[in-house]
């Protein structure tokens, strides 16, 4: 942010008013990290003035239980005598204690919820900080990032809590509706679980820089979310070069799988993607899914050739009457902990058009147009350069 003029001086003034040591300010300014330093000091907006004993007194929870909850949220153990908690923290901990003691939710379920909240918020926070940090490296974006931290006029940092709340509400509604539809259905086939991974990722990681590898992972993640969500599925998790997803409808699951394989071939920066899928009952816990169906889908992925989709016998049977897809049986394989299984390679029929690709392309066109409009309103082009 060196040489950014007004915003740079305002950030320094904010830090000085907060009592930050001058040498710390100078170091952050020299390294173009003033925005992140202000975020670190300003975003919480709460004084940490309660230690572990005070938290125990205020909540009625024993020390070890508070430590357990705090660890579940992703924070290090509070040390005796250390001012770790704010007034808001104590209110929230008291609410958790009341929830557990009321018997509405068991301690085990409560800890599971706090683990999900902690891990999800940690990823969101890291993504936000990465975005702000990256802005300092792009011409024309530094002042925008600084203003986003300093004011509340609709810029991304002040509006973030409201966005999180609204997205949470929408996801709760969708999750509840999905479970209602599943429970109302008489179809006991279960759900489709799929894995897709980039072929040759380990070798690539040894040949390119960390920045180039991160760009590949980002591109794959965008591709996976675009295709899975456009097809009505849910991304369960990303594990570097692999995405795990679940889909209720077998036909849409097949469209997603073929779409992932096709789109990766069209992406110049990505290697081929291989996909494995299985259908059946699963155990859902803390947003993740487990069980034999998951294991079968994972094993199917591991034996798929680059650019192909391999499916379980049950999923092939579920799609047998769908003219949009064709199959080729593989020789029976002995899969660890699953026994001898005859898997099949799935492909789209020659005469069947892709029903998901058009939706993906249209979605990307709309996203690009929206981004260009916003950048133009700020006086920069697609690459962040001044117009």
Protein backbone atom coordinates (compact mmCIF):
# COMPACT_ATOMS: atom_id res chain seq x y z
CA UNK A 1 0.00 0.00 0.00
CA UNK A 2 3.02 2.25 -0.13
CA UNK A 3 2.30 5.49 -1.89
CA UNK A 4 -1.49 5.04 -1.79
CA UNK A 5 -1.94 8.48 -0.25
CA UNK A 6 -5.20 9.07 1.59
CA UNK A 7 -6.16 5.51 2.54
CA UNK A 8 -2.61 4.78 3.65
CA UNK A 9 -2.56 7.79 5.97
CA UNK A 10 -6.02 6.97 7.31
CA UNK A 11 -4.96 3.41 8.15
CA UNK A 12 -1.92 4.71 10.00
CA UNK A 13 -4.14 7.14 11.91
CA UNK A 14 -6.51 4.32 12.88
CA UNK A 15 -3.65 2.18 14.15
CA UNK A 16 -2.12 5.07 16.10
CA UNK A 17 -5.50 5.80 17.72
CA UNK A 18 -5.69 2.16 18.75
CA UNK A 19 -2.33 2.43 20.49
CA UNK A 20 -0.40 0.17 18.12
CA UNK A 21 3.37 0.57 18.56
CA UNK A 22 4.95 2.89 15.93
CA UNK A 23 7.57 0.30 14.97
CA UNK A 24 4.82 -2.26 14.28
CA UNK A 25 3.01 0.27 12.07
CA UNK A 26 6.21 1.12 10.17
CA UNK A 27 6.97 -2.57 9.60
CA UNK A 28 3.47 -3.23 8.28
CA UNK A 29 3.66 -0.17 6.04
CA UNK A 30 7.02 -1.20 4.61
CA UNK A 31 5.64 -4.68 3.80
CA UNK A 32 2.30 -3.38 2.40
CA UNK A 33 0.39 -5.06 5.24
CA UNK A 34 -1.40 -2.09 6.81
CA UNK A 35 -4.83 -3.34 5.75
CA UNK A 36 -4.27 -6.73 7.39
CA UNK A 37 -2.92 -5.11 10.55
CA UNK A 38 -6.04 -2.96 10.82
CA UNK A 39 -8.21 -6.03 10.25
CA UNK A 40 -6.38 -7.92 12.99
CA UNK A 41 -6.89 -5.06 15.47
CA UNK A 42 -10.30 -3.83 14.36
CA UNK A 43 -12.43 -6.75 13.21
CA UNK A 44 -13.22 -8.20 16.65
CA UNK A 45 -14.12 -4.90 18.26
CA UNK A 46 -14.30 -6.52 21.71
CA UNK A 47 -12.05 -6.36 24.72
CA UNK A 48 -10.65 -9.70 25.89
CA UNK A 49 -10.86 -9.26 29.64
CA UNK A 50 -12.06 -12.59 31.09
CA UNK A 51 -9.87 -15.56 31.96
CA UNK A 52 -10.82 -19.22 32.26
CA UNK A 53 -11.98 -18.90 35.88
CA UNK A 54 -14.28 -16.01 34.99
CA UNK A 55 -15.71 -18.03 32.11
CA UNK A 56 -16.42 -20.94 34.48
CA UNK A 57 -18.19 -18.63 36.95
CA UNK A 58 -20.25 -16.92 34.24
CA UNK A 59 -21.37 -20.08 32.44
CA UNK A 60 -21.45 -22.72 35.13
CA UNK A 61 -19.33 -24.97 32.94
CA UNK A 62 -16.30 -26.78 34.36
CA UNK A 63 -12.85 -25.84 33.06
CA UNK A 64 -12.38 -28.94 30.91
CA UNK A 65 -15.75 -28.51 29.25
CA UNK A 66 -14.96 -24.91 28.27
CA UNK A 67 -11.57 -26.04 26.98
CA UNK A 68 -13.29 -28.75 24.95
CA UNK A 69 -15.76 -26.30 23.40
CA UNK A 70 -12.99 -23.78 22.70
CA UNK A 71 -10.86 -26.45 21.02
CA UNK A 72 -13.87 -27.63 19.00
CA UNK A 73 -14.20 -24.08 17.67
CA UNK A 74 -10.59 -24.25 16.51
CA UNK A 75 -8.92 -22.09 19.16
CA UNK A 76 -6.00 -23.05 21.42
CA UNK A 77 -6.65 -23.97 25.04
CA UNK A 78 -7.19 -20.92 27.27
CA UNK A 79 -4.38 -20.75 29.80
CA UNK A 80 -5.05 -20.03 33.51
CA UNK A 81 -4.95 -16.30 34.22
CA UNK A 82 -4.85 -15.35 30.52
CA UNK A 83 -7.49 -12.87 29.29
CA UNK A 84 -8.99 -14.98 26.54
CA UNK A 85 -12.71 -14.25 26.45
CA UNK A 86 -14.81 -11.19 25.64
CA UNK A 87 -18.26 -10.41 27.07
CA UNK A 88 -19.78 -11.77 23.84
CA UNK A 89 -17.79 -15.01 24.20
CA UNK A 90 -19.18 -15.51 27.71
CA UNK A 91 -22.75 -14.93 26.52
CA UNK A 92 -22.28 -17.50 23.74
CA UNK A 93 -20.64 -20.04 26.06
CA UNK A 94 -23.49 -19.60 28.53
CA UNK A 95 -25.95 -20.23 25.71
CA UNK A 96 -24.12 -23.44 24.77
CA UNK A 97 -24.17 -24.54 28.42
CA UNK A 98 -27.92 -23.91 28.69
CA UNK A 99 -28.52 -25.84 25.48
CA UNK A 100 -26.60 -28.88 26.76
CA UNK A 101 -28.09 -28.80 30.24
CA UNK A 102 -31.65 -28.47 28.93
CA UNK A 103 -31.39 -31.91 27.34
CA UNK A 104 -32.53 -30.59 23.94
CA UNK A 105 -29.13 -31.39 22.43
CA UNK A 106 -26.64 -33.90 23.83
CA UNK A 107 -23.06 -32.79 24.60
CA UNK A 108 -21.80 -35.02 21.78
CA UNK A 109 -24.06 -33.32 19.23
CA UNK A 110 -23.12 -29.89 20.64
CA UNK A 111 -19.42 -30.62 20.22
CA UNK A 112 -20.06 -31.82 16.70
CA UNK A 113 -21.86 -28.58 15.85
CA UNK A 114 -19.06 -26.46 17.30
CA UNK A 115 -16.50 -28.42 15.26
CA UNK A 116 -18.42 -27.73 12.05
CA UNK A 117 -18.86 -24.05 12.93
CA UNK A 118 -15.20 -23.67 13.86
CA UNK A 119 -13.79 -25.37 10.77
CA UNK A 120 -16.21 -23.56 8.42
CA UNK A 121 -15.52 -20.13 9.93
CA UNK A 122 -11.77 -20.77 9.83
CA UNK A 123 -11.95 -21.44 6.08
CA UNK A 124 -14.11 -18.36 5.49
CA UNK A 125 -11.77 -16.17 7.53
CA UNK A 126 -8.69 -17.48 5.71
CA UNK A 127 -10.34 -16.89 2.33
CA UNK A 128 -11.25 -13.33 3.32
CA UNK A 129 -7.77 -12.51 4.58
CA UNK A 130 -6.24 -14.06 1.46
CA UNK A 131 -8.49 -11.90 -0.71
CA UNK A 132 -7.54 -8.72 1.13
CA UNK A 133 -3.86 -9.66 1.11
CA UNK A 134 -3.95 -10.39 -2.61
CA UNK A 135 -5.51 -6.98 -3.31
CA UNK A 136 -2.27 -5.31 -2.25
CA UNK A 137 -0.50 -7.07 -5.12
CA UNK A 138 -2.92 -5.86 -7.80
CA UNK A 139 -2.62 -2.34 -9.23
CA UNK A 140 -5.72 -0.23 -8.63
CA UNK A 141 -7.09 -2.54 -5.91
CA UNK A 142 -5.16 -1.47 -2.82
CA UNK A 143 -7.22 1.64 -2.09
CA UNK A 144 -10.44 -0.34 -2.57
CA UNK A 145 -9.30 -2.94 -0.02
CA UNK A 146 -8.35 -0.20 2.44
CA UNK A 147 -11.74 1.49 2.10
CA UNK A 148 -13.42 -1.86 2.59
CA UNK A 149 -11.78 -2.18 5.98
CA UNK A 150 -12.27 1.42 7.08
CA UNK A 151 -15.88 2.27 6.27
CA UNK A 152 -19.33 0.75 6.39
CA UNK A 153 -20.75 1.93 3.07
CA UNK A 154 -21.53 -1.46 1.60
CA UNK A 155 -17.96 -2.64 1.15
CA UNK A 156 -17.20 -6.29 1.74
CA UNK A 157 -15.76 -6.35 5.28
CA UNK A 158 -18.54 -4.41 7.08
CA UNK A 159 -21.24 -6.31 5.19
CA UNK A 160 -19.71 -9.74 5.78
CA UNK A 161 -21.62 -10.69 8.98
CA UNK A 162 -24.95 -9.97 7.28
CA UNK A 163 -23.91 -12.01 4.25
CA UNK A 164 -22.89 -14.94 6.46
CA UNK A 165 -26.21 -14.85 8.31
CA UNK A 166 -28.25 -14.77 5.11
CA UNK A 167 -26.25 -17.56 3.45
CA UNK A 168 -26.60 -19.63 6.64
CA UNK A 169 -30.38 -19.13 6.62
CA UNK A 170 -30.60 -20.13 2.95
CA UNK A 171 -28.52 -23.26 3.50
CA UNK A 172 -30.60 -24.31 6.53
CA UNK A 173 -33.75 -23.93 4.42
CA UNK A 174 -32.24 -25.97 1.56
CA UNK A 175 -30.91 -28.69 3.91
CA UNK A 176 -34.27 -29.02 5.69
CA UNK A 177 -36.12 -29.17 2.37
CA UNK A 178 -33.69 -31.78 1.04
CA UNK A 179 -34.20 -33.96 4.10
CA UNK A 180 -37.99 -33.56 3.92
CA UNK A 181 -38.08 -34.66 0.30
CA UNK A 182 -35.85 -37.63 1.05
CA UNK A 183 -38.01 -38.75 3.98
CA UNK A 184 -41.22 -38.32 1.96
CA UNK A 185 -39.87 -40.36 -0.96
CA UNK A 186 -40.74 -44.03 -1.20
CA UNK A 187 -37.56 -44.66 -3.23
CA UNK A 188 -35.11 -46.47 -0.95
CA UNK A 189 -32.18 -46.41 -3.36
CA UNK A 190 -30.35 -43.84 -1.25
CA UNK A 191 -28.20 -41.05 -2.67
CA UNK A 192 -25.44 -40.92 -5.25
CA UNK A 193 -21.97 -40.27 -3.87
CA UNK A 194 -19.24 -39.17 -6.25
CA UNK A 195 -15.54 -38.39 -6.17
CA UNK A 196 -13.59 -36.56 -8.87
CA UNK A 197 -9.85 -35.99 -8.81
CA UNK A 198 -7.19 -34.46 -11.00
CA UNK A 199 -4.93 -37.04 -12.62
CA UNK A 200 -1.22 -36.49 -12.11
CA UNK A 201 -1.59 -33.86 -9.38
CA UNK A 202 1.18 -35.32 -7.19
CA UNK A 203 3.66 -35.21 -10.06
CA UNK A 204 2.54 -31.68 -10.95
CA UNK A 205 3.13 -30.52 -7.37
CA UNK A 206 6.81 -31.45 -7.74
CA UNK A 207 7.23 -29.52 -10.98
CA UNK A 208 5.57 -26.13 -10.46
CA UNK A 209 5.75 -23.33 -7.90
CA UNK A 210 3.38 -23.06 -4.95
CA UNK A 211 1.63 -20.13 -6.59
CA UNK A 212 1.06 -22.06 -9.82
CA UNK A 213 -0.17 -25.10 -7.89
CA UNK A 214 -2.61 -22.91 -5.92
CA UNK A 215 -3.95 -21.51 -9.20
CA UNK A 216 -4.61 -25.06 -10.47
CA UNK A 217 -6.44 -25.99 -7.25
CA UNK A 218 -8.51 -22.78 -7.41
CA UNK A 219 -9.48 -23.45 -11.02
CA UNK A 220 -10.48 -27.04 -10.20
CA UNK A 221 -12.50 -25.90 -7.19
CA UNK A 222 -14.37 -23.30 -9.26
CA UNK A 223 -15.06 -25.89 -11.94
CA UNK A 224 -16.28 -28.45 -9.40
CA UNK A 225 -18.62 -26.05 -7.62
CA UNK A 226 -20.01 -24.70 -10.90
CA UNK A 227 -20.82 -28.12 -12.28
CA UNK A 228 -22.00 -29.88 -9.11
CA UNK A 229 -24.25 -27.02 -7.97
CA UNK A 230 -25.61 -26.40 -11.48
CA UNK A 231 -26.61 -30.07 -11.55
CA UNK A 232 -28.49 -29.89 -8.27
CA UNK A 233 -25.80 -31.64 -6.21
CA UNK A 234 -23.95 -30.64 -3.07
CA UNK A 235 -20.20 -30.40 -2.66
CA UNK A 236 -19.40 -32.23 0.57
CA UNK A 237 -15.74 -31.24 0.67
CA UNK A 238 -12.68 -30.37 -1.35
CA UNK A 239 -9.46 -32.20 -0.51
CA UNK A 240 -6.86 -30.44 -2.62
CA UNK A 241 -7.05 -32.21 -5.96
CA UNK A 242 -10.27 -34.11 -5.15
CA UNK A 243 -13.92 -33.15 -4.75
CA UNK A 244 -16.56 -35.25 -3.00
CA UNK A 245 -20.21 -34.61 -3.85
CA UNK A 246 -23.67 -36.06 -3.28
CA UNK A 247 -26.68 -35.93 -5.58
CA UNK A 248 -30.24 -37.11 -5.01
CA UNK A 249 -31.13 -37.84 -8.65
CA UNK A 250 -29.10 -40.53 -10.48
CA UNK A 251 -29.56 -38.93 -13.92
CA UNK A 252 -28.31 -35.55 -12.71
CA UNK A 253 -25.42 -37.29 -10.95
CA UNK A 254 -24.44 -38.83 -14.28
CA UNK A 255 -24.68 -35.43 -15.99
CA UNK A 256 -22.45 -33.92 -13.30
CA UNK A 257 -19.86 -36.67 -13.63
CA UNK A 258 -19.68 -36.47 -17.43
CA UNK A 259 -19.71 -32.68 -17.19
CA UNK A 260 -16.70 -32.73 -14.86
CA UNK A 261 -14.76 -35.00 -17.21
CA UNK A 262 -15.68 -32.92 -20.29
CA UNK A 263 -15.01 -29.53 -18.71
CA UNK A 264 -11.59 -30.54 -17.43
CA UNK A 265 -10.55 -31.41 -20.98
CA UNK A 266 -11.59 -27.91 -22.08
CA UNK A 267 -9.64 -26.18 -19.30
CA UNK A 268 -6.10 -25.49 -20.50
CA UNK A 269 -4.64 -25.34 -16.98
CA UNK A 270 -6.14 -28.61 -15.73
CA UNK A 271 -5.20 -32.23 -16.30
CA UNK A 272 -7.89 -34.83 -16.98
CA UNK A 273 -10.42 -35.58 -14.25
CA UNK A 274 -11.52 -39.10 -13.37
CA UNK A 275 -14.80 -39.73 -11.57
CA UNK A 276 -16.20 -42.60 -9.51
CA UNK A 277 -19.80 -42.86 -8.29
CA UNK A 278 -22.00 -45.23 -6.31
CA UNK A 279 -25.59 -45.13 -5.12
CA UNK A 280 -26.91 -46.39 -1.80
CA UNK A 281 -27.55 -45.51 1.84
CA UNK A 282 -25.14 -43.20 3.65
CA UNK A 283 -24.61 -41.94 7.18
CA UNK A 284 -24.69 -38.13 7.38
CA UNK A 285 -22.89 -36.40 10.24
CA UNK A 286 -21.63 -32.84 10.64
CA UNK A 287 -22.14 -32.14 6.94
CA UNK A 288 -20.05 -35.15 5.90
CA UNK A 289 -21.21 -38.55 4.65
CA UNK A 290 -19.89 -42.01 5.51
CA UNK A 291 -20.53 -45.66 4.80
CA UNK A 292 -20.06 -48.44 2.29
CA UNK A 293 -21.50 -46.36 -0.56
CA UNK A 294 -18.83 -43.72 0.05
CA UNK A 295 -16.09 -46.34 0.12
CA UNK A 296 -17.30 -47.89 -3.13
CA UNK A 297 -17.36 -44.52 -4.90
CA UNK A 298 -13.84 -43.78 -3.69
CA UNK A 299 -12.52 -47.16 -4.86
CA UNK A 300 -14.23 -46.68 -8.24
CA UNK A 301 -12.42 -43.36 -8.66
CA UNK A 302 -9.04 -44.92 -7.92
CA UNK A 303 -9.35 -47.40 -10.82
CA UNK A 304 -10.91 -45.02 -13.36
CA UNK A 305 -8.81 -44.00 -16.35
CA UNK A 306 -8.15 -40.27 -16.94
CA UNK A 307 -11.19 -38.53 -18.39
CA UNK A 308 -13.60 -41.39 -17.62
CA UNK A 309 -16.50 -42.01 -15.23
CA UNK A 310 -16.79 -45.35 -13.40
CA UNK A 311 -20.02 -46.32 -11.63
CA UNK A 312 -21.24 -49.05 -9.30
CA UNK A 313 -23.56 -51.87 -10.48
CA UNK A 314 -26.46 -50.34 -8.55
CA UNK A 315 -26.03 -46.96 -10.22
CA UNK A 316 -25.82 -48.58 -13.65
CA UNK A 317 -29.08 -50.37 -12.90
CA UNK A 318 -30.70 -47.10 -11.77
CA UNK A 319 -29.73 -45.51 -15.12
CA UNK A 320 -30.42 -48.54 -17.31
CA UNK A 321 -33.59 -47.10 -18.87
CA UNK A 322 -32.14 -43.64 -19.48
CA UNK A 323 -31.31 -43.28 -23.22
CA UNK A 324 -28.97 -40.37 -22.48
CA UNK A 325 -26.25 -42.70 -21.19
CA UNK A 326 -24.35 -45.76 -22.35
CA UNK A 327 -22.19 -48.21 -20.41
CA UNK A 328 -19.26 -50.55 -20.88
CA UNK A 329 -18.73 -53.25 -18.28
CA UNK A 330 -15.24 -53.56 -16.79
CA UNK A 331 -13.75 -56.86 -15.76
CA UNK A 332 -14.67 -57.75 -12.15
CA UNK A 333 -12.34 -56.20 -9.60
CA UNK A 334 -11.61 -57.20 -6.03
CA UNK A 335 -11.98 -54.01 -4.00
CA UNK A 336 -10.55 -53.75 -0.49
CA UNK A 337 -13.19 -54.40 2.20
CA UNK A 338 -15.89 -54.60 -0.50
CA UNK A 339 -15.23 -57.90 -2.26
CA UNK A 340 -15.56 -58.66 -5.96
CA UNK A 341 -17.43 -55.91 -7.85
CA UNK A 342 -18.25 -55.44 -11.53
CA UNK A 343 -17.98 -51.74 -12.24
CA UNK A 344 -18.93 -49.99 -15.49
CA UNK A 345 -17.63 -47.04 -17.48
CA UNK A 346 -20.38 -44.48 -18.07
CA UNK A 347 -20.52 -42.11 -21.02
CA UNK A 348 -23.11 -39.91 -22.67
CA UNK A 349 -24.94 -41.49 -25.62
CA UNK A 350 -23.85 -40.18 -29.01
CA UNK A 351 -27.23 -38.62 -29.69
CA UNK A 352 -27.73 -37.18 -26.20
CA UNK A 353 -26.86 -33.48 -25.71
CA UNK A 354 -25.45 -32.24 -22.43
CA UNK A 355 -28.22 -30.77 -20.28
CA UNK A 356 -25.84 -29.33 -17.72
CA UNK A 357 -23.20 -27.69 -19.90
CA UNK A 358 -25.51 -24.94 -21.14
CA UNK A 359 -26.45 -24.07 -17.56
CA UNK A 360 -22.79 -23.92 -16.55
CA UNK A 361 -21.80 -21.76 -19.53
CA UNK A 362 -24.68 -19.34 -18.92
CA UNK A 363 -23.83 -19.10 -15.23
CA UNK A 364 -20.21 -18.28 -16.02
CA UNK A 365 -21.23 -15.65 -18.60
CA UNK A 366 -23.42 -13.95 -16.02
CA UNK A 367 -20.65 -14.05 -13.41
CA UNK A 368 -18.09 -12.56 -15.82
CA UNK A 369 -20.48 -9.78 -16.85
CA UNK A 370 -21.23 -8.91 -13.22
CA UNK A 371 -17.54 -8.83 -12.28
CA UNK A 372 -16.71 -6.60 -15.28
CA UNK A 373 -19.48 -4.15 -14.35
CA UNK A 374 -18.25 -3.89 -10.76
CA UNK A 375 -14.62 -3.46 -11.80
CA UNK A 376 -15.55 -0.83 -14.39
CA UNK A 377 -17.46 1.13 -11.75
CA UNK A 378 -14.22 1.24 -9.75
CA UNK A 379 -12.14 2.30 -12.74
CA UNK A 380 -10.20 -0.95 -13.35
CA UNK A 381 -10.27 -3.66 -16.01
CA UNK A 382 -10.47 -7.48 -15.70
CA UNK A 383 -6.80 -7.66 -14.68
CA UNK A 384 -7.12 -4.96 -12.03
CA UNK A 385 -5.35 -2.34 -14.16
CA UNK A 386 -6.63 1.26 -14.27
CA UNK A 387 -8.91 1.99 -17.22
